[in-house]
Amino acid sequence: MMGKKDLLGRDQFQMVTLNSLVPQDHIIRKIDTAINLSFIYDLVKDLYSDVGKESIDPVVLIKITLIQYTFGIRSMRQTIKEIQTNVAYRWYLGYSLEEEIPHFSTFGKNYSRRFQNTDLFEQIFQRVIAEIMEYEFINSESIFIDGTHIKASANNHNSEKETVLESVKYYEKELMKEINEDRIERGKQACKKKRKPKKRQK
């Protein structure tokens, strides 16, 4: 007998947690367990005011970029769309099924305000990607520079480190390009070209 699935399940109310919807062996769980991003708060604390509207959590900001980078999503705009419908990504960010994911323009504004004319993003992302590779969540064949996949020498730690650095620089350049294109579309000025970062006082 041929089965025919009804669509009643679409509107069926169920008591579930987001945690229960993410498989225990999902790579996003492994990344969350292995990579501690709490160090970011101390690095960026001087970039935030004690008053005013609450911004996107800086760790969430980095997690969003990490999702794009790790899972090879073609653009940040597409990454935001993927997060909206992907329960594993929502779980990683700590956003419930009903919670609104930051709009791409909101992401871009926060990214530009916090990291423009500093080397903080480069510092943070290089460290995170190096750990991601160390735990073998991605490998050197997944690293890209100027749109080309690069395989660093497995026997040369410095070569691999340099590959990660160049990849991070390329990724940030492409991300800033996308943010500026969005700003121009909305009638706003593009962010100024990144200047050589000032040395931070100890």
N, C-alpha and C. Protein backbone atom coordinates (compact mmCIF):
# COMPACT_ATOMS: atom_id res chain seq x y z
N MET A 1 0.85 -1.19 0.00
CA MET A 1 0.00 0.00 0.00
C MET A 1 0.89 1.25 0.00
N MET A 2 0.60 2.17 -0.87
CA MET A 2 1.38 3.39 -0.96
C MET A 2 1.03 4.33 0.18
N GLY A 3 2.06 4.80 0.87
CA GLY A 3 1.85 5.75 1.96
C GLY A 3 1.73 7.16 1.41
N LYS A 4 1.01 7.98 2.11
CA LYS A 4 0.87 9.38 1.74
C LYS A 4 0.95 10.23 3.00
N LYS A 5 2.00 11.00 3.11
CA LYS A 5 2.24 11.77 4.34
C LYS A 5 1.37 13.02 4.38
N ASP A 6 0.64 13.16 5.48
CA ASP A 6 -0.13 14.40 5.64
C ASP A 6 0.80 15.49 6.18
N LEU A 7 0.34 16.72 6.18
CA LEU A 7 1.16 17.85 6.59
C LEU A 7 0.73 18.42 7.93
N LEU A 8 -0.01 17.61 8.70
CA LEU A 8 -0.51 18.09 9.98
C LEU A 8 0.61 18.42 10.97
N GLY A 9 1.73 17.74 10.80
CA GLY A 9 2.85 17.95 11.71
C GLY A 9 3.42 19.36 11.65
N ARG A 10 3.15 20.06 10.55
CA ARG A 10 3.68 21.42 10.41
C ARG A 10 3.14 22.36 11.48
N ASP A 11 1.91 22.15 11.87
CA ASP A 11 1.27 23.04 12.84
C ASP A 11 1.09 22.40 14.21
N GLN A 12 1.66 21.23 14.39
CA GLN A 12 1.50 20.53 15.65
C GLN A 12 2.38 21.15 16.72
N PHE A 13 1.80 21.45 17.86
CA PHE A 13 2.53 22.05 18.97
C PHE A 13 3.25 20.96 19.75
N GLN A 14 4.56 21.15 19.96
CA GLN A 14 5.34 20.17 20.69
C GLN A 14 6.23 20.86 21.72
N MET A 15 6.40 20.22 22.86
CA MET A 15 7.30 20.75 23.88
C MET A 15 8.69 20.16 23.66
N VAL A 16 9.57 20.96 23.06
CA VAL A 16 10.93 20.51 22.81
C VAL A 16 11.91 21.61 23.21
N THR A 17 13.13 21.22 23.47
CA THR A 17 14.18 22.20 23.72
C THR A 17 15.09 22.26 22.49
N LEU A 18 15.71 23.38 22.29
CA LEU A 18 16.64 23.52 21.18
C LEU A 18 17.77 22.52 21.33
N ASN A 19 18.17 22.29 22.55
CA ASN A 19 19.26 21.36 22.83
C ASN A 19 18.94 19.95 22.34
N SER A 20 17.68 19.55 22.46
CA SER A 20 17.27 18.21 22.06
C SER A 20 17.24 18.04 20.54
N LEU A 21 17.20 19.14 19.82
CA LEU A 21 17.11 19.08 18.36
C LEU A 21 18.47 19.00 17.67
N VAL A 22 19.54 19.24 18.42
CA VAL A 22 20.88 19.20 17.84
C VAL A 22 21.54 17.86 18.16
N PRO A 23 21.86 17.05 17.16
CA PRO A 23 22.48 15.74 17.40
C PRO A 23 23.74 15.85 18.26
N GLN A 24 23.93 14.88 19.14
CA GLN A 24 25.08 14.92 20.04
C GLN A 24 26.42 14.85 19.30
N ASP A 25 26.43 14.27 18.11
CA ASP A 25 27.68 14.15 17.37
C ASP A 25 27.86 15.26 16.33
N HIS A 26 27.02 16.28 16.38
CA HIS A 26 27.13 17.38 15.43
C HIS A 26 28.45 18.13 15.66
N ILE A 27 29.12 18.51 14.60
CA ILE A 27 30.41 19.19 14.71
C ILE A 27 30.31 20.49 15.49
N ILE A 28 29.16 21.14 15.44
CA ILE A 28 29.01 22.43 16.14
C ILE A 28 29.10 22.22 17.64
N ARG A 29 28.66 21.04 18.13
CA ARG A 29 28.81 20.74 19.55
C ARG A 29 30.28 20.54 19.91
N LYS A 30 31.01 19.89 19.03
CA LYS A 30 32.43 19.65 19.27
C LYS A 30 33.21 20.96 19.29
N ILE A 31 32.85 21.86 18.38
CA ILE A 31 33.50 23.17 18.35
C ILE A 31 33.18 23.94 19.62
N ASP A 32 31.93 23.90 20.04
CA ASP A 32 31.51 24.63 21.23
C ASP A 32 32.23 24.12 22.48
N THR A 33 32.45 22.81 22.55
CA THR A 33 33.13 22.22 23.70
C THR A 33 34.62 22.52 23.70
N ALA A 34 35.22 22.48 22.53
CA ALA A 34 36.68 22.59 22.43
C ALA A 34 37.19 24.03 22.43
N ILE A 35 36.45 24.94 21.81
CA ILE A 35 36.93 26.30 21.62
C ILE A 35 36.27 27.26 22.59
N ASN A 36 37.04 27.76 23.54
CA ASN A 36 36.54 28.71 24.54
C ASN A 36 36.78 30.14 24.04
N LEU A 37 35.70 30.86 23.80
CA LEU A 37 35.80 32.21 23.24
C LEU A 37 35.66 33.31 24.30
N SER A 38 35.68 32.95 25.56
CA SER A 38 35.47 33.95 26.61
C SER A 38 36.59 34.98 26.66
N PHE A 39 37.77 34.65 26.12
CA PHE A 39 38.88 35.59 26.10
C PHE A 39 38.56 36.86 25.32
N ILE A 40 37.57 36.77 24.44
CA ILE A 40 37.20 37.91 23.59
C ILE A 40 36.71 39.09 24.42
N TYR A 41 35.98 38.82 25.50
CA TYR A 41 35.41 39.89 26.31
C TYR A 41 36.49 40.84 26.83
N ASP A 42 37.60 40.29 27.32
CA ASP A 42 38.67 41.13 27.84
C ASP A 42 39.35 41.93 26.72
N LEU A 43 39.48 41.34 25.55
CA LEU A 43 40.15 42.02 24.45
C LEU A 43 39.37 43.22 23.93
N VAL A 44 38.04 43.12 23.95
CA VAL A 44 37.22 44.18 23.32
C VAL A 44 36.52 45.09 24.33
N LYS A 45 36.72 44.88 25.61
CA LYS A 45 35.95 45.63 26.61
C LYS A 45 36.11 47.14 26.49
N ASP A 46 37.28 47.61 26.04
CA ASP A 46 37.51 49.05 25.91
C ASP A 46 36.77 49.66 24.72
N LEU A 47 36.20 48.82 23.86
CA LEU A 47 35.50 49.31 22.68
C LEU A 47 34.02 49.55 22.94
N TYR A 48 33.56 49.25 24.13
CA TYR A 48 32.14 49.36 24.46
C TYR A 48 31.91 50.39 25.56
N SER A 49 30.83 51.13 25.40
CA SER A 49 30.43 52.11 26.39
C SER A 49 29.61 51.45 27.49
N ASP A 50 29.60 52.07 28.66
CA ASP A 50 28.80 51.55 29.77
C ASP A 50 27.34 51.99 29.69
N VAL A 51 27.04 52.88 28.76
CA VAL A 51 25.67 53.39 28.60
C VAL A 51 25.21 53.16 27.16
N GLY A 52 23.92 53.36 26.92
CA GLY A 52 23.38 53.23 25.58
C GLY A 52 22.75 51.87 25.34
N LYS A 53 22.29 51.68 24.10
CA LYS A 53 21.61 50.46 23.72
C LYS A 53 22.58 49.28 23.72
N GLU A 54 22.09 48.15 24.18
CA GLU A 54 22.92 46.94 24.23
C GLU A 54 23.24 46.45 22.83
N SER A 55 24.49 46.16 22.59
CA SER A 55 24.93 45.71 21.26
C SER A 55 24.84 44.20 21.14
N ILE A 56 25.17 43.70 19.96
CA ILE A 56 25.32 42.26 19.79
C ILE A 56 26.49 41.80 20.67
N ASP A 57 26.30 40.71 21.36
CA ASP A 57 27.37 40.11 22.16
C ASP A 57 28.59 39.92 21.26
N PRO A 58 29.78 40.44 21.65
CA PRO A 58 30.96 40.29 20.79
C PRO A 58 31.33 38.84 20.50
N VAL A 59 31.05 37.94 21.44
CA VAL A 59 31.34 36.53 21.19
C VAL A 59 30.39 36.00 20.12
N VAL A 60 29.13 36.42 20.14
CA VAL A 60 28.17 36.03 19.10
C VAL A 60 28.64 36.56 17.75
N LEU A 61 29.17 37.78 17.73
CA LEU A 61 29.67 38.39 16.50
C LEU A 61 30.76 37.50 15.88
N ILE A 62 31.66 37.03 16.71
CA ILE A 62 32.74 36.16 16.22
C ILE A 62 32.20 34.79 15.85
N LYS A 63 31.24 34.28 16.62
CA LYS A 63 30.66 32.97 16.31
C LYS A 63 29.97 32.98 14.94
N ILE A 64 29.32 34.08 14.61
CA ILE A 64 28.65 34.18 13.31
C ILE A 64 29.69 34.10 12.19
N THR A 65 30.81 34.82 12.34
CA THR A 65 31.85 34.75 11.32
C THR A 65 32.48 33.36 11.28
N LEU A 66 32.57 32.72 12.43
CA LEU A 66 33.14 31.37 12.50
C LEU A 66 32.25 30.36 11.78
N ILE A 67 30.94 30.52 11.90
CA ILE A 67 30.01 29.65 11.19
C ILE A 67 30.21 29.78 9.69
N GLN A 68 30.32 31.02 9.21
CA GLN A 68 30.52 31.22 7.77
C GLN A 68 31.82 30.58 7.30
N TYR A 69 32.90 30.84 8.05
CA TYR A 69 34.22 30.36 7.66
C TYR A 69 34.31 28.85 7.70
N THR A 70 33.85 28.27 8.80
CA THR A 70 34.00 26.82 9.01
C THR A 70 33.14 26.00 8.06
N PHE A 71 31.92 26.48 7.79
CA PHE A 71 31.01 25.70 6.96
C PHE A 71 31.00 26.16 5.50
N GLY A 72 31.90 27.08 5.16
CA GLY A 72 32.09 27.47 3.76
C GLY A 72 30.88 28.13 3.13
N ILE A 73 30.16 28.96 3.89
CA ILE A 73 28.99 29.66 3.35
C ILE A 73 29.48 30.85 2.53
N ARG A 74 28.90 31.07 1.37
CA ARG A 74 29.48 31.98 0.38
C ARG A 74 29.50 33.44 0.77
N SER A 75 28.60 33.88 1.65
CA SER A 75 28.55 35.28 2.04
C SER A 75 28.00 35.42 3.45
N MET A 76 28.25 36.57 4.07
CA MET A 76 27.71 36.80 5.40
C MET A 76 26.20 36.97 5.34
N ARG A 77 25.71 37.61 4.30
CA ARG A 77 24.26 37.76 4.14
C ARG A 77 23.58 36.39 4.10
N GLN A 78 24.18 35.44 3.36
CA GLN A 78 23.64 34.09 3.28
C GLN A 78 23.79 33.37 4.62
N THR A 79 24.89 33.65 5.33
CA THR A 79 25.11 33.04 6.64
C THR A 79 23.99 33.40 7.61
N ILE A 80 23.60 34.68 7.61
CA ILE A 80 22.51 35.13 8.48
C ILE A 80 21.22 34.38 8.14
N LYS A 81 20.96 34.19 6.85
CA LYS A 81 19.77 33.46 6.42
C LYS A 81 19.83 32.00 6.87
N GLU A 82 21.01 31.39 6.77
CA GLU A 82 21.19 30.00 7.18
C GLU A 82 20.95 29.85 8.69
N ILE A 83 21.45 30.81 9.46
CA ILE A 83 21.29 30.76 10.91
C ILE A 83 19.81 30.82 11.29
N GLN A 84 19.03 31.60 10.55
CA GLN A 84 17.62 31.75 10.86
C GLN A 84 16.88 30.42 10.86
N THR A 85 17.28 29.51 9.99
CA THR A 85 16.55 28.25 9.83
C THR A 85 17.31 27.02 10.31
N ASN A 86 18.53 27.18 10.77
CA ASN A 86 19.37 26.05 11.18
C ASN A 86 19.41 25.98 12.71
N VAL A 87 18.80 24.95 13.28
CA VAL A 87 18.71 24.86 14.74
C VAL A 87 20.08 24.68 15.39
N ALA A 88 21.01 24.02 14.70
CA ALA A 88 22.34 23.82 15.26
C ALA A 88 23.08 25.15 15.37
N TYR A 89 22.95 26.00 14.37
CA TYR A 89 23.59 27.31 14.41
C TYR A 89 22.96 28.17 15.51
N ARG A 90 21.63 28.12 15.62
CA ARG A 90 20.94 28.88 16.68
C ARG A 90 21.42 28.40 18.06
N TRP A 91 21.52 27.11 18.22
CA TRP A 91 21.99 26.54 19.48
C TRP A 91 23.38 27.06 19.82
N TYR A 92 24.27 27.08 18.84
CA TYR A 92 25.65 27.53 19.05
C TYR A 92 25.69 29.00 19.48
N LEU A 93 24.82 29.81 18.89
CA LEU A 93 24.79 31.24 19.22
C LEU A 93 24.03 31.52 20.50
N GLY A 94 23.20 30.56 20.93
CA GLY A 94 22.39 30.76 22.13
C GLY A 94 21.08 31.47 21.84
N TYR A 95 20.62 31.42 20.59
CA TYR A 95 19.36 32.05 20.19
C TYR A 95 18.25 31.00 20.12
N SER A 96 17.13 31.30 20.77
CA SER A 96 16.00 30.38 20.75
C SER A 96 15.36 30.36 19.37
N LEU A 97 14.41 29.43 19.17
CA LEU A 97 13.72 29.32 17.89
C LEU A 97 12.91 30.57 17.56
N GLU A 98 12.45 31.26 18.59
CA GLU A 98 11.62 32.44 18.38
C GLU A 98 12.40 33.74 18.40
N GLU A 99 13.66 33.68 18.81
CA GLU A 99 14.47 34.89 18.94
C GLU A 99 14.95 35.36 17.56
N GLU A 100 14.90 36.67 17.37
CA GLU A 100 15.28 37.23 16.06
C GLU A 100 16.79 37.27 15.92
N ILE A 101 17.27 36.73 14.81
CA ILE A 101 18.70 36.76 14.50
C ILE A 101 19.05 38.16 14.01
N PRO A 102 20.21 38.71 14.42
CA PRO A 102 20.59 40.05 13.96
C PRO A 102 20.55 40.17 12.44
N HIS A 103 19.97 41.26 11.94
CA HIS A 103 19.93 41.51 10.50
C HIS A 103 21.35 41.72 10.00
N PHE A 104 21.56 41.45 8.72
CA PHE A 104 22.89 41.61 8.14
C PHE A 104 23.44 43.02 8.35
N SER A 105 22.58 44.04 8.17
CA SER A 105 23.04 45.42 8.33
C SER A 105 23.43 45.70 9.78
N THR A 106 22.72 45.07 10.73
CA THR A 106 23.06 45.23 12.15
C THR A 106 24.39 44.56 12.45
N PHE A 107 24.58 43.37 11.87
CA PHE A 107 25.86 42.68 12.02
C PHE A 107 26.99 43.56 11.48
N GLY A 108 26.78 44.10 10.26
CA GLY A 108 27.81 44.93 9.62
C GLY A 108 28.15 46.16 10.43
N LYS A 109 27.13 46.80 10.99
CA LYS A 109 27.34 48.01 11.79
C LYS A 109 28.16 47.69 13.03
N ASN A 110 27.82 46.62 13.71
CA ASN A 110 28.55 46.23 14.91
C ASN A 110 29.99 45.83 14.59
N TYR A 111 30.15 45.07 13.50
CA TYR A 111 31.50 44.65 13.11
C TYR A 111 32.36 45.87 12.81
N SER A 112 31.82 46.81 12.01
CA SER A 112 32.58 47.98 11.60
C SER A 112 32.95 48.85 12.79
N ARG A 113 32.01 49.05 13.70
CA ARG A 113 32.25 49.90 14.86
C ARG A 113 33.30 49.33 15.79
N ARG A 114 33.33 48.01 15.92
CA ARG A 114 34.23 47.40 16.89
C ARG A 114 35.63 47.14 16.33
N PHE A 115 35.72 46.78 15.07
CA PHE A 115 37.00 46.28 14.56
C PHE A 115 37.68 47.16 13.52
N GLN A 116 36.96 48.16 12.99
CA GLN A 116 37.57 49.01 11.97
C GLN A 116 38.77 49.75 12.55
N ASN A 117 39.87 49.77 11.79
CA ASN A 117 41.11 50.46 12.18
C ASN A 117 41.76 49.86 13.43
N THR A 118 41.48 48.59 13.70
CA THR A 118 42.20 47.85 14.74
C THR A 118 42.62 46.51 14.15
N ASP A 119 43.49 45.84 14.86
CA ASP A 119 43.87 44.50 14.41
C ASP A 119 43.23 43.43 15.30
N LEU A 120 42.19 43.84 16.05
CA LEU A 120 41.57 42.92 17.00
C LEU A 120 40.92 41.72 16.33
N PHE A 121 40.18 41.98 15.24
CA PHE A 121 39.54 40.86 14.56
C PHE A 121 40.59 39.87 14.08
N GLU A 122 41.66 40.40 13.52
CA GLU A 122 42.74 39.55 13.03
C GLU A 122 43.33 38.72 14.16
N GLN A 123 43.57 39.37 15.31
CA GLN A 123 44.10 38.66 16.48
C GLN A 123 43.16 37.53 16.92
N ILE A 124 41.89 37.89 17.06
CA ILE A 124 40.91 36.93 17.58
C ILE A 124 40.71 35.78 16.60
N PHE A 125 40.46 36.12 15.33
CA PHE A 125 40.10 35.09 14.36
C PHE A 125 41.28 34.19 14.04
N GLN A 126 42.48 34.75 14.00
CA GLN A 126 43.66 33.92 13.74
C GLN A 126 43.82 32.89 14.86
N ARG A 127 43.64 33.33 16.10
CA ARG A 127 43.75 32.43 17.24
C ARG A 127 42.69 31.33 17.18
N VAL A 128 41.47 31.71 16.86
CA VAL A 128 40.37 30.75 16.83
C VAL A 128 40.56 29.74 15.70
N ILE A 129 40.90 30.22 14.52
CA ILE A 129 41.09 29.32 13.37
C ILE A 129 42.26 28.36 13.62
N ALA A 130 43.31 28.86 14.25
CA ALA A 130 44.44 27.98 14.57
C ALA A 130 43.99 26.85 15.50
N GLU A 131 43.12 27.16 16.46
CA GLU A 131 42.60 26.13 17.36
C GLU A 131 41.66 25.18 16.62
N ILE A 132 40.85 25.74 15.73
CA ILE A 132 39.93 24.92 14.93
C ILE A 132 40.73 23.88 14.13
N MET A 133 41.86 24.32 13.57
CA MET A 133 42.70 23.41 12.80
C MET A 133 43.41 22.41 13.69
N GLU A 134 43.84 22.88 14.88
CA GLU A 134 44.53 21.99 15.80
C GLU A 134 43.63 20.82 16.22
N TYR A 135 42.35 21.10 16.41
CA TYR A 135 41.39 20.05 16.78
C TYR A 135 40.87 19.29 15.56
N GLU A 136 41.36 19.68 14.36
CA GLU A 136 41.03 19.01 13.10
C GLU A 136 39.55 19.10 12.75
N PHE A 137 38.91 20.24 13.12
CA PHE A 137 37.53 20.48 12.68
C PHE A 137 37.54 20.91 11.21
N ILE A 138 38.60 21.61 10.83
CA ILE A 138 38.90 21.84 9.41
C ILE A 138 40.38 21.56 9.24
N ASN A 139 40.82 21.34 8.02
CA ASN A 139 42.24 21.11 7.80
C ASN A 139 42.78 22.15 6.82
N SER A 140 44.08 22.07 6.58
CA SER A 140 44.73 23.08 5.74
C SER A 140 44.18 23.10 4.31
N GLU A 141 43.59 21.99 3.86
CA GLU A 141 43.02 21.97 2.52
C GLU A 141 41.74 22.80 2.44
N SER A 142 41.17 23.14 3.61
CA SER A 142 39.96 23.95 3.63
C SER A 142 40.27 25.44 3.73
N ILE A 143 41.55 25.76 3.91
CA ILE A 143 41.95 27.15 4.02
C ILE A 143 41.98 27.77 2.62
N PHE A 144 41.47 28.99 2.51
CA PHE A 144 41.47 29.65 1.22
C PHE A 144 42.13 31.02 1.28
N ILE A 145 42.84 31.35 0.23
CA ILE A 145 43.47 32.65 0.08
C ILE A 145 43.22 33.11 -1.35
N ASP A 146 42.65 34.31 -1.48
CA ASP A 146 42.31 34.83 -2.80
C ASP A 146 41.45 33.86 -3.59
N GLY A 147 40.56 33.17 -2.90
CA GLY A 147 39.62 32.27 -3.55
C GLY A 147 40.19 30.93 -3.91
N THR A 148 41.45 30.68 -3.58
CA THR A 148 42.10 29.42 -3.93
C THR A 148 42.38 28.62 -2.67
N HIS A 149 42.06 27.33 -2.69
CA HIS A 149 42.36 26.47 -1.55
C HIS A 149 43.86 26.24 -1.48
N ILE A 150 44.40 26.37 -0.28
CA ILE A 150 45.83 26.24 -0.06
C ILE A 150 46.10 25.13 0.94
N LYS A 151 47.06 24.27 0.64
CA LYS A 151 47.46 23.24 1.57
C LYS A 151 48.84 23.58 2.11
N ALA A 152 48.90 23.89 3.40
CA ALA A 152 50.18 24.20 4.02
C ALA A 152 50.97 22.92 4.25
N SER A 153 52.28 23.06 4.32
CA SER A 153 53.13 21.89 4.57
C SER A 153 52.84 21.31 5.95
N ALA A 154 52.54 20.03 5.98
CA ALA A 154 52.20 19.37 7.25
C ALA A 154 53.40 19.31 8.19
N ASN A 155 54.61 19.43 7.61
CA ASN A 155 55.81 19.33 8.40
C ASN A 155 56.40 20.69 8.76
N ASN A 156 55.70 21.72 8.43
CA ASN A 156 56.21 23.07 8.66
C ASN A 156 55.18 23.88 9.42
N HIS A 157 55.33 23.97 10.73
CA HIS A 157 54.36 24.67 11.58
C HIS A 157 54.27 26.14 11.20
N ASN A 158 55.42 26.77 10.92
CA ASN A 158 55.42 28.18 10.56
C ASN A 158 54.67 28.43 9.26
N SER A 159 54.81 27.50 8.31
CA SER A 159 54.11 27.63 7.04
C SER A 159 52.61 27.56 7.24
N GLU A 160 52.16 26.65 8.10
CA GLU A 160 50.74 26.52 8.37
C GLU A 160 50.20 27.75 9.08
N LYS A 161 50.98 28.28 10.02
CA LYS A 161 50.59 29.48 10.76
C LYS A 161 50.46 30.67 9.80
N GLU A 162 51.39 30.78 8.87
CA GLU A 162 51.35 31.87 7.90
C GLU A 162 50.15 31.72 6.97
N THR A 163 49.83 30.49 6.61
CA THR A 163 48.67 30.23 5.77
C THR A 163 47.38 30.66 6.45
N VAL A 164 47.27 30.35 7.74
CA VAL A 164 46.10 30.76 8.51
C VAL A 164 46.00 32.28 8.55
N LEU A 165 47.12 32.96 8.80
CA LEU A 165 47.13 34.42 8.87
C LEU A 165 46.69 35.03 7.55
N GLU A 166 47.24 34.55 6.45
CA GLU A 166 46.87 35.09 5.14
C GLU A 166 45.40 34.83 4.83
N SER A 167 44.92 33.66 5.23
CA SER A 167 43.51 33.31 5.00
C SER A 167 42.59 34.23 5.79
N VAL A 168 42.97 34.53 7.04
CA VAL A 168 42.17 35.42 7.89
C VAL A 168 42.13 36.82 7.29
N LYS A 169 43.27 37.30 6.82
CA LYS A 169 43.32 38.63 6.20
C LYS A 169 42.43 38.68 4.97
N TYR A 170 42.47 37.63 4.17
CA TYR A 170 41.64 37.58 2.97
C TYR A 170 40.16 37.54 3.34
N TYR A 171 39.82 36.73 4.35
CA TYR A 171 38.44 36.62 4.78
C TYR A 171 37.92 37.96 5.27
N GLU A 172 38.72 38.65 6.09
CA GLU A 172 38.29 39.95 6.62
C GLU A 172 38.10 40.97 5.49
N LYS A 173 38.98 40.93 4.51
CA LYS A 173 38.87 41.83 3.36
C LYS A 173 37.56 41.60 2.61
N GLU A 174 37.22 40.32 2.37
CA GLU A 174 35.99 39.99 1.67
C GLU A 174 34.75 40.35 2.50
N LEU A 175 34.84 40.16 3.80
CA LEU A 175 33.73 40.50 4.69
C LEU A 175 33.49 42.00 4.68
N MET A 176 34.56 42.79 4.75
CA MET A 176 34.43 44.24 4.74
C MET A 176 33.88 44.73 3.39
N LYS A 177 34.27 44.06 2.32
CA LYS A 177 33.75 44.40 0.99
C LYS A 177 32.25 44.20 0.94
N GLU A 178 31.78 43.10 1.49
CA GLU A 178 30.34 42.81 1.50
C GLU A 178 29.58 43.81 2.36
N ILE A 179 30.15 44.16 3.50
CA ILE A 179 29.52 45.14 4.38
C ILE A 179 29.42 46.50 3.69
N ASN A 180 30.47 46.90 3.00
CA ASN A 180 30.45 48.19 2.30
C ASN A 180 29.46 48.21 1.15
N GLU A 181 29.35 47.11 0.44
CA GLU A 181 28.37 47.03 -0.65
C GLU A 181 26.95 47.22 -0.11
N ASP A 182 26.69 46.63 1.05
CA ASP A 182 25.38 46.78 1.68
C ASP A 182 25.16 48.22 2.13
N ARG A 183 26.18 48.85 2.68
CA ARG A 183 26.05 50.24 3.13
C ARG A 183 25.73 51.16 1.95
N ILE A 184 26.41 50.96 0.84
CA ILE A 184 26.18 51.79 -0.34
C ILE A 184 24.78 51.59 -0.88
N GLU A 185 24.30 50.34 -0.88
CA GLU A 185 22.93 50.05 -1.33
C GLU A 185 21.90 50.77 -0.47
N ARG A 186 22.22 50.99 0.80
CA ARG A 186 21.29 51.65 1.72
C ARG A 186 21.55 53.15 1.81
N GLY A 187 22.36 53.67 0.88
CA GLY A 187 22.60 55.10 0.81
C GLY A 187 23.57 55.64 1.85
N LYS A 188 24.38 54.77 2.41
CA LYS A 188 25.36 55.19 3.41
C LYS A 188 26.76 55.13 2.82
N GLN A 189 27.67 55.86 3.43
CA GLN A 189 29.04 55.86 2.96
C GLN A 189 29.73 54.56 3.33
N ALA A 190 30.62 54.14 2.45
CA ALA A 190 31.40 52.94 2.75
C ALA A 190 32.36 53.26 3.89
N CYS A 191 32.69 52.25 4.67
CA CYS A 191 33.66 52.43 5.73
C CYS A 191 35.01 52.76 5.12
N LYS A 192 35.75 53.58 5.80
CA LYS A 192 37.06 53.97 5.29
C LYS A 192 37.99 52.75 5.28
N LYS A 193 38.94 52.82 4.35
CA LYS A 193 39.89 51.73 4.22
C LYS A 193 40.66 51.55 5.52
N LYS A 194 40.85 50.31 5.88
CA LYS A 194 41.52 50.00 7.14
C LYS A 194 42.93 50.58 7.15
N ARG A 195 43.20 51.38 8.18
CA ARG A 195 44.53 51.95 8.34
C ARG A 195 45.39 51.03 9.18
N LYS A 196 46.67 51.30 9.18
CA LYS A 196 47.57 50.53 10.02
C LYS A 196 47.16 50.72 11.47
N PRO A 197 46.86 49.65 12.19
CA PRO A 197 46.35 49.79 13.55
C PRO A 197 47.34 50.44 14.49
N LYS A 198 46.79 51.23 15.41
CA LYS A 198 47.63 51.83 16.43
C LYS A 198 48.02 50.78 17.45
N LYS A 199 49.22 50.95 18.00
CA LYS A 199 49.65 50.00 19.03
C LYS A 199 48.85 50.25 20.29
N ARG A 200 48.34 49.17 20.85
CA ARG A 200 47.55 49.29 22.07
C ARG A 200 48.48 49.43 23.26
N GLN A 201 48.11 50.35 24.14
CA GLN A 201 48.90 50.54 25.34
C GLN A 201 48.67 49.39 26.31
N LYS A 202 49.72 48.96 26.92
CA LYS A 202 49.61 47.85 27.88
C LYS A 202 49.11 48.37 29.22
